[in-house]
Amino acid sequence: MLHGNHNRDIGGDHTDMNEGLILKIAAVGILITLLNQILKHSGRDDQAFLLSLAGIVMVLIWIIPYIVEVFTLVQGLFEL
């Protein structure tokens, strides 16, 4: 049986949150890139590296719950 909103079951209710998360990650990436370039041109390579590392850690903290959810879903699929 196909209903009009069958894609909702696949993505769940996370679609708005996922779009917001993608936009936040993109904004952080753009901001980190701009600040990184400014720091590199001013001769502060160490601080530029630490800024990039902090951006990566921040984004990883945001996406870890989704990674755990995917592993849990895959584990549930293979349980008999």
Protein backbone atom coordinates (compact mmCIF):
# COMPACT_ATOMS: atom_id res chain seq x y z
CA MET A 1 0.00 0.00 0.00
CA LEU A 2 1.44 3.26 -1.06
CA HIS A 3 0.31 6.39 0.67
CA GLY A 4 1.16 9.98 -0.21
CA ASN A 5 3.60 10.42 2.69
CA HIS A 6 5.47 7.10 2.60
CA ASN A 7 8.84 8.90 2.67
CA ARG A 8 8.04 10.22 6.13
CA ASP A 9 8.35 6.74 7.58
CA ILE A 10 11.88 6.41 6.25
CA GLY A 11 13.21 9.71 7.55
CA GLY A 12 11.08 9.92 10.66
CA ASP A 13 10.40 13.30 12.19
CA HIS A 14 14.03 14.40 11.95
CA THR A 15 13.80 16.12 8.55
CA ASP A 16 13.58 19.67 9.90
CA MET A 17 16.29 18.97 12.46
CA ASN A 18 18.53 17.36 9.83
CA GLU A 19 18.18 20.37 7.54
CA GLY A 20 18.99 22.68 10.44
CA LEU A 21 22.00 20.55 11.34
CA ILE A 22 23.28 20.62 7.77
CA LEU A 23 22.94 24.39 7.68
CA LYS A 24 24.73 24.73 11.03
CA ILE A 25 27.59 22.53 9.82
CA ALA A 26 27.88 24.55 6.62
CA ALA A 27 27.87 27.83 8.55
CA VAL A 28 30.56 26.58 10.92
CA GLY A 29 32.64 25.39 7.97
CA ILE A 30 32.43 28.76 6.23
CA LEU A 31 33.18 30.67 9.43
CA ILE A 32 36.11 28.44 10.37
CA THR A 33 37.53 28.73 6.85
CA LEU A 34 37.36 32.53 6.89
CA LEU A 35 38.90 32.80 10.36
CA ASN A 36 41.54 30.22 9.42
CA GLN A 37 42.61 32.26 6.40
CA ILE A 38 42.76 35.45 8.46
CA LEU A 39 44.90 33.77 11.11
CA LYS A 40 47.24 32.20 8.54
CA HIS A 41 47.80 35.51 6.75
CA SER A 42 48.61 37.20 10.04
CA GLY A 43 51.25 34.56 10.82
CA ARG A 44 49.32 32.68 13.50
CA ASP A 45 49.45 29.22 12.02
CA ASP A 46 49.25 27.46 15.39
CA GLN A 47 46.05 29.25 16.31
CA ALA A 48 44.62 28.55 12.86
CA PHE A 49 45.28 24.84 13.38
CA LEU A 50 43.65 24.89 16.82
CA LEU A 51 40.64 26.73 15.40
CA SER A 52 40.23 24.08 12.69
CA LEU A 53 40.56 21.33 15.26
CA ALA A 54 37.94 22.98 17.49
CA GLY A 55 35.55 23.24 14.52
CA ILE A 56 35.98 19.55 13.70
CA VAL A 57 35.39 18.54 17.33
CA MET A 58 32.28 20.74 17.54
CA VAL A 59 30.77 19.23 14.39
CA LEU A 60 31.61 15.69 15.56
CA ILE A 61 29.83 16.34 18.85
CA TRP A 62 26.76 17.41 16.86
CA ILE A 63 26.70 14.34 14.60
CA ILE A 64 27.68 11.59 17.07
CA PRO A 65 24.03 10.99 18.14
CA TYR A 66 23.08 10.45 14.49
CA ILE A 67 25.96 8.03 13.96
CA VAL A 68 24.88 6.07 17.04
CA GLU A 69 21.32 6.02 15.70
CA VAL A 70 22.50 4.61 12.36
CA PHE A 71 24.55 1.87 14.05
CA THR A 72 21.60 0.97 16.28
CA LEU A 73 19.30 0.81 13.24
CA VAL A 74 21.74 -1.41 11.31
CA GLN A 75 22.20 -3.64 14.35
CA GLY A 76 18.41 -3.95 14.67
CA LEU A 77 18.09 -4.86 11.00
CA PHE A 78 20.46 -7.80 11.31
CA GLU A 79 18.98 -9.23 14.51
CA LEU A 80 16.72 -12.18 13.81
